[in-house]
Amino acid sequence: MQKENKNKSFVLRIDSERMDAIEKWAADEFRSVNGQIIYLLDQALKKNKRLNKKD
């Protein structure tokens, strides 16, 4: 039986200055760039009460 993938992929266009900052921040916190972006989005969603409590 094949495991269902709950993640969605999309293209993100970002300027080089922001990308460099995110890459450095991710490295400082021992995360991948993808992991850092997910973390930042998760924090913003929680702060603005856009995410269910169970998540």
PDB file of N, CA and C in Angstrom:
ATOM      1  N   MET A   1       0.848  -1.178   0.000  1.00  0.00           N
ATOM      2  CA  MET A   1       0.000   0.000   0.000  1.00  0.00           C
ATOM      3  C   MET A   1       0.895   1.242   0.000  1.00  0.00           C
ATOM      4  N   GLN A   2       0.551   2.213  -0.836  1.00  0.00           N
ATOM      5  CA  GLN A   2       1.361   3.419  -0.962  1.00  0.00           C
ATOM      6  C   GLN A   2       0.930   4.463   0.074  1.00  0.00           C
ATOM      7  N   LYS A   3       1.910   5.092   0.703  1.00  0.00           N
ATOM      8  CA  LYS A   3       1.655   6.117   1.706  1.00  0.00           C
ATOM      9  C   LYS A   3       1.216   7.408   1.019  1.00  0.00           C
ATOM     10  N   GLU A   4       0.164   8.047   1.542  1.00  0.00           N
ATOM     11  CA  GLU A   4      -0.328   9.293   0.965  1.00  0.00           C
ATOM     12  C   GLU A   4       0.555  10.463   1.402  1.00  0.00           C
ATOM     13  N   ASN A   5       0.979  11.277   0.442  1.00  0.00           N
ATOM     14  CA  ASN A   5       1.798  12.456   0.728  1.00  0.00           C
ATOM     15  C   ASN A   5       0.876  13.639   0.985  1.00  0.00           C
ATOM     16  N   LYS A   6       0.947  14.214   2.179  1.00  0.00           N
ATOM     17  CA  LYS A   6       0.087  15.337   2.544  1.00  0.00           C
ATOM     18  C   LYS A   6       0.705  16.680   2.164  1.00  0.00           C
ATOM     19  N   ASN A   7       1.949  16.685   1.733  1.00  0.00           N
ATOM     20  CA  ASN A   7       2.627  17.928   1.363  1.00  0.00           C
ATOM     21  C   ASN A   7       2.299  18.317  -0.070  1.00  0.00           C
ATOM     22  N   LYS A   8       2.191  19.614  -0.283  1.00  0.00           N
ATOM     23  CA  LYS A   8       1.968  20.137  -1.630  1.00  0.00           C
ATOM     24  C   LYS A   8       3.215  20.904  -2.055  1.00  0.00           C
ATOM     25  N   SER A   9       3.525  20.839  -3.323  1.00  0.00           N
ATOM     26  CA  SER A   9       4.675  21.551  -3.871  1.00  0.00           C
ATOM     27  C   SER A   9       4.195  22.766  -4.652  1.00  0.00           C
ATOM     28  N   PHE A  10       5.009  23.831  -4.638  1.00  0.00           N
ATOM     29  CA  PHE A  10       4.714  25.006  -5.446  1.00  0.00           C
ATOM     30  C   PHE A  10       6.000  25.776  -5.683  1.00  0.00           C
ATOM     31  N   VAL A  11       5.973  26.649  -6.659  1.00  0.00           N
ATOM     32  CA  VAL A  11       7.135  27.464  -6.992  1.00  0.00           C
ATOM     33  C   VAL A  11       7.058  28.762  -6.191  1.00  0.00           C
ATOM     34  N   LEU A  12       8.170  29.144  -5.607  1.00  0.00           N
ATOM     35  CA  LEU A  12       8.254  30.397  -4.860  1.00  0.00           C
ATOM     36  C   LEU A  12       9.285  31.288  -5.526  1.00  0.00           C
ATOM     37  N   ARG A  13       8.866  32.460  -5.904  1.00  0.00           N
ATOM     38  CA  ARG A  13       9.798  33.431  -6.484  1.00  0.00           C
ATOM     39  C   ARG A  13      10.174  34.410  -5.382  1.00  0.00           C
ATOM     40  N   ILE A  14      11.458  34.531  -5.126  1.00  0.00           N
ATOM     41  CA  ILE A  14      11.938  35.373  -4.029  1.00  0.00           C
ATOM     42  C   ILE A  14      13.224  36.056  -4.472  1.00  0.00           C
ATOM     43  N   ASP A  15      13.385  37.304  -4.079  1.00  0.00           N
ATOM     44  CA  ASP A  15      14.587  38.022  -4.493  1.00  0.00           C
ATOM     45  C   ASP A  15      15.811  37.484  -3.750  1.00  0.00           C
ATOM     46  N   SER A  16      16.972  37.724  -4.325  1.00  0.00           N
ATOM     47  CA  SER A  16      18.206  37.126  -3.801  1.00  0.00           C
ATOM     48  C   SER A  16      18.557  37.623  -2.395  1.00  0.00           C
ATOM     49  N   GLU A  17      18.242  38.860  -2.084  1.00  0.00           N
ATOM     50  CA  GLU A  17      18.550  39.387  -0.750  1.00  0.00           C
ATOM     51  C   GLU A  17      17.764  38.640   0.328  1.00  0.00           C
ATOM     52  N   ARG A  18      16.480  38.418   0.097  1.00  0.00           N
ATOM     53  CA  ARG A  18      15.659  37.673   1.056  1.00  0.00           C
ATOM     54  C   ARG A  18      16.110  36.210   1.134  1.00  0.00           C
ATOM     55  N   MET A  19      16.416  35.635  -0.014  1.00  0.00           N
ATOM     56  CA  MET A  19      16.845  34.239  -0.029  1.00  0.00           C
ATOM     57  C   MET A  19      18.148  34.068   0.742  1.00  0.00           C
ATOM     58  N   ASP A  20      19.082  34.970   0.558  1.00  0.00           N
ATOM     59  CA  ASP A  20      20.349  34.916   1.301  1.00  0.00           C
ATOM     60  C   ASP A  20      20.095  35.006   2.804  1.00  0.00           C
ATOM     61  N   ALA A  21      19.188  35.896   3.208  1.00  0.00           N
ATOM     62  CA  ALA A  21      18.874  36.058   4.632  1.00  0.00           C
ATOM     63  C   ALA A  21      18.235  34.792   5.197  1.00  0.00           C
ATOM     64  N   ILE A  22      17.320  34.182   4.440  1.00  0.00           N
ATOM     65  CA  ILE A  22      16.667  32.955   4.896  1.00  0.00           C
ATOM     66  C   ILE A  22      17.671  31.804   4.956  1.00  0.00           C
ATOM     67  N   GLU A  23      18.563  31.716   3.985  1.00  0.00           N
ATOM     68  CA  GLU A  23      19.590  30.669   4.006  1.00  0.00           C
ATOM     69  C   GLU A  23      20.485  30.796   5.229  1.00  0.00           C
ATOM     70  N   LYS A  24      20.900  32.008   5.553  1.00  0.00           N
ATOM     71  CA  LYS A  24      21.753  32.223   6.727  1.00  0.00           C
ATOM     72  C   LYS A  24      20.996  31.890   8.013  1.00  0.00           C
ATOM     73  N   TRP A  25      19.751  32.366   8.105  1.00  0.00           N
ATOM     74  CA  TRP A  25      18.920  32.107   9.278  1.00  0.00           C
ATOM     75  C   TRP A  25      18.718  30.604   9.461  1.00  0.00           C
ATOM     76  N   ALA A  26      18.431  29.912   8.385  1.00  0.00           N
ATOM     77  CA  ALA A  26      18.239  28.460   8.450  1.00  0.00           C
ATOM     78  C   ALA A  26      19.509  27.771   8.946  1.00  0.00           C
ATOM     79  N   ALA A  27      20.641  28.168   8.416  1.00  0.00           N
ATOM     80  CA  ALA A  27      21.914  27.571   8.844  1.00  0.00           C
ATOM     81  C   ALA A  27      22.174  27.849  10.328  1.00  0.00           C
ATOM     82  N   ASP A  28      21.867  29.064  10.775  1.00  0.00           N
ATOM     83  CA  ASP A  28      22.057  29.424  12.187  1.00  0.00           C
ATOM     84  C   ASP A  28      21.214  28.551  13.111  1.00  0.00           C
ATOM     85  N   GLU A  29      20.055  28.112  12.629  1.00  0.00           N
ATOM     86  CA  GLU A  29      19.137  27.309  13.448  1.00  0.00           C
ATOM     87  C   GLU A  29      19.156  25.826  13.056  1.00  0.00           C
ATOM     88  N   PHE A  30      20.167  25.429  12.264  1.00  0.00           N
ATOM     89  CA  PHE A  30      20.358  24.031  11.860  1.00  0.00           C
ATOM     90  C   PHE A  30      19.122  23.448  11.175  1.00  0.00           C
ATOM     91  N   ARG A  31      18.521  24.252  10.281  1.00  0.00           N
ATOM     92  CA  ARG A  31      17.383  23.807   9.489  1.00  0.00           C
ATOM     93  C   ARG A  31      17.734  23.915   8.012  1.00  0.00           C
ATOM     94  N   SER A  32      16.998  23.188   7.193  1.00  0.00           N
ATOM     95  CA  SER A  32      17.083  23.393   5.747  1.00  0.00           C
ATOM     96  C   SER A  32      16.329  24.683   5.419  1.00  0.00           C
ATOM     97  N   VAL A  33      16.558  25.214   4.243  1.00  0.00           N
ATOM     98  CA  VAL A  33      15.822  26.410   3.824  1.00  0.00           C
ATOM     99  C   VAL A  33      14.331  26.089   3.790  1.00  0.00           C
ATOM    100  N   ASN A  34      13.971  24.933   3.249  1.00  0.00           N
ATOM    101  CA  ASN A  34      12.567  24.531   3.207  1.00  0.00           C
ATOM    102  C   ASN A  34      11.995  24.453   4.630  1.00  0.00           C
ATOM    103  N   GLY A  35      12.737  23.827   5.529  1.00  0.00           N
ATOM    104  CA  GLY A  35      12.300  23.724   6.920  1.00  0.00           C
ATOM    105  C   GLY A  35      12.137  25.084   7.578  1.00  0.00           C
ATOM    106  N   GLN A  36      13.025  26.006   7.270  1.00  0.00           N
ATOM    107  CA  GLN A  36      12.955  27.353   7.845  1.00  0.00           C
ATOM    108  C   GLN A  36      11.719  28.088   7.338  1.00  0.00           C
ATOM    109  N   ILE A  37      11.446  27.981   6.044  1.00  0.00           N
ATOM    110  CA  ILE A  37      10.265  28.646   5.478  1.00  0.00           C
ATOM    111  C   ILE A  37       8.995  28.065   6.088  1.00  0.00           C
ATOM    112  N   ILE A  38       8.927  26.743   6.232  1.00  0.00           N
ATOM    113  CA  ILE A  38       7.766  26.116   6.868  1.00  0.00           C
ATOM    114  C   ILE A  38       7.628  26.595   8.306  1.00  0.00           C
ATOM    115  N   TYR A  39       8.739  26.663   9.039  1.00  0.00           N
ATOM    116  CA  TYR A  39       8.720  27.142  10.419  1.00  0.00           C
ATOM    117  C   TYR A  39       8.177  28.575  10.493  1.00  0.00           C
ATOM    118  N   LEU A  40       8.681  29.452   9.631  1.00  0.00           N
ATOM    119  CA  LEU A  40       8.241  30.846   9.632  1.00  0.00           C
ATOM    120  C   LEU A  40       6.758  30.973   9.288  1.00  0.00           C
ATOM    121  N   LEU A  41       6.316  30.212   8.303  1.00  0.00           N
ATOM    122  CA  LEU A  41       4.897  30.238   7.939  1.00  0.00           C
ATOM    123  C   LEU A  41       4.039  29.706   9.079  1.00  0.00           C
ATOM    124  N   ASP A  42       4.490  28.633   9.707  1.00  0.00           N
ATOM    125  CA  ASP A  42       3.767  28.044  10.833  1.00  0.00           C
ATOM    126  C   ASP A  42       3.623  29.047  11.979  1.00  0.00           C
ATOM    127  N   GLN A  43       4.709  29.740  12.311  1.00  0.00           N
ATOM    128  CA  GLN A  43       4.664  30.742  13.384  1.00  0.00           C
ATOM    129  C   GLN A  43       3.690  31.873  13.049  1.00  0.00           C
ATOM    130  N   ALA A  44       3.709  32.345  11.811  1.00  0.00           N
ATOM    131  CA  ALA A  44       2.800  33.422  11.396  1.00  0.00           C
ATOM    132  C   ALA A  44       1.347  32.953  11.429  1.00  0.00           C
ATOM    133  N   LEU A  45       1.102  31.724  10.982  1.00  0.00           N
ATOM    134  CA  LEU A  45      -0.260  31.191  11.003  1.00  0.00           C
ATOM    135  C   LEU A  45      -0.782  31.043  12.432  1.00  0.00           C
ATOM    136  N   LYS A  46       0.049  30.549  13.329  1.00  0.00           N
ATOM    137  CA  LYS A  46      -0.352  30.416  14.734  1.00  0.00           C
ATOM    138  C   LYS A  46      -0.600  31.779  15.372  1.00  0.00           C
ATOM    139  N   LYS A  47       0.288  32.729  15.117  1.00  0.00           N
ATOM    140  CA  LYS A  47       0.157  34.071  15.688  1.00  0.00           C
ATOM    141  C   LYS A  47      -1.157  34.725  15.273  1.00  0.00           C
ATOM    142  N   ASN A  48      -1.572  34.480  14.047  1.00  0.00           N
ATOM    143  CA  ASN A  48      -2.784  35.093  13.512  1.00  0.00           C
ATOM    144  C   ASN A  48      -4.004  34.177  13.615  1.00  0.00           C
ATOM    145  N   LYS A  49      -3.862  33.101  14.409  1.00  0.00           N
ATOM    146  CA  LYS A  49      -4.938  32.165  14.669  1.00  0.00           C
ATOM    147  C   LYS A  49      -5.569  31.624  13.389  1.00  0.00           C
ATOM    148  N   ARG A  50      -4.701  31.257  12.442  1.00  0.00           N
ATOM    149  CA  ARG A  50      -5.143  30.699  11.170  1.00  0.00           C
ATOM    150  C   ARG A  50      -4.902  29.210  11.087  1.00  0.00           C
ATOM    151  N   LEU A  51      -4.364  28.629  12.153  1.00  0.00           N
ATOM    152  CA  LEU A  51      -4.037  27.213  12.179  1.00  0.00           C
ATOM    153  C   LEU A  51      -4.808  26.540  13.295  1.00  0.00           C
ATOM    154  N   ASN A  52      -5.321  25.337  13.036  1.00  0.00           N
ATOM    155  CA  ASN A  52      -6.042  24.603  14.073  1.00  0.00           C
ATOM    156  C   ASN A  52      -5.114  24.280  15.229  1.00  0.00           C
ATOM    157  N   LYS A  53      -5.644  24.227  16.431  1.00  0.00           N
ATOM    158  CA  LYS A  53      -4.842  23.939  17.627  1.00  0.00           C
ATOM    159  C   LYS A  53      -4.141  22.592  17.540  1.00  0.00           C
ATOM    160  N   LYS A  54      -4.782  21.588  16.896  1.00  0.00           N
ATOM    161  CA  LYS A  54      -4.190  20.248  16.810  1.00  0.00           C
ATOM    162  C   LYS A  54      -2.923  20.239  15.964  1.00  0.00           C
ATOM    163  N   ASP A  55      -2.763  21.231  15.056  1.00  0.00           N
ATOM    164  CA  ASP A  55      -1.588  21.318  14.202  1.00  0.00           C
ATOM    165  C   ASP A  55      -0.474  21.937  14.985  1.00  0.00           C
TER     166      ASP A  55
END
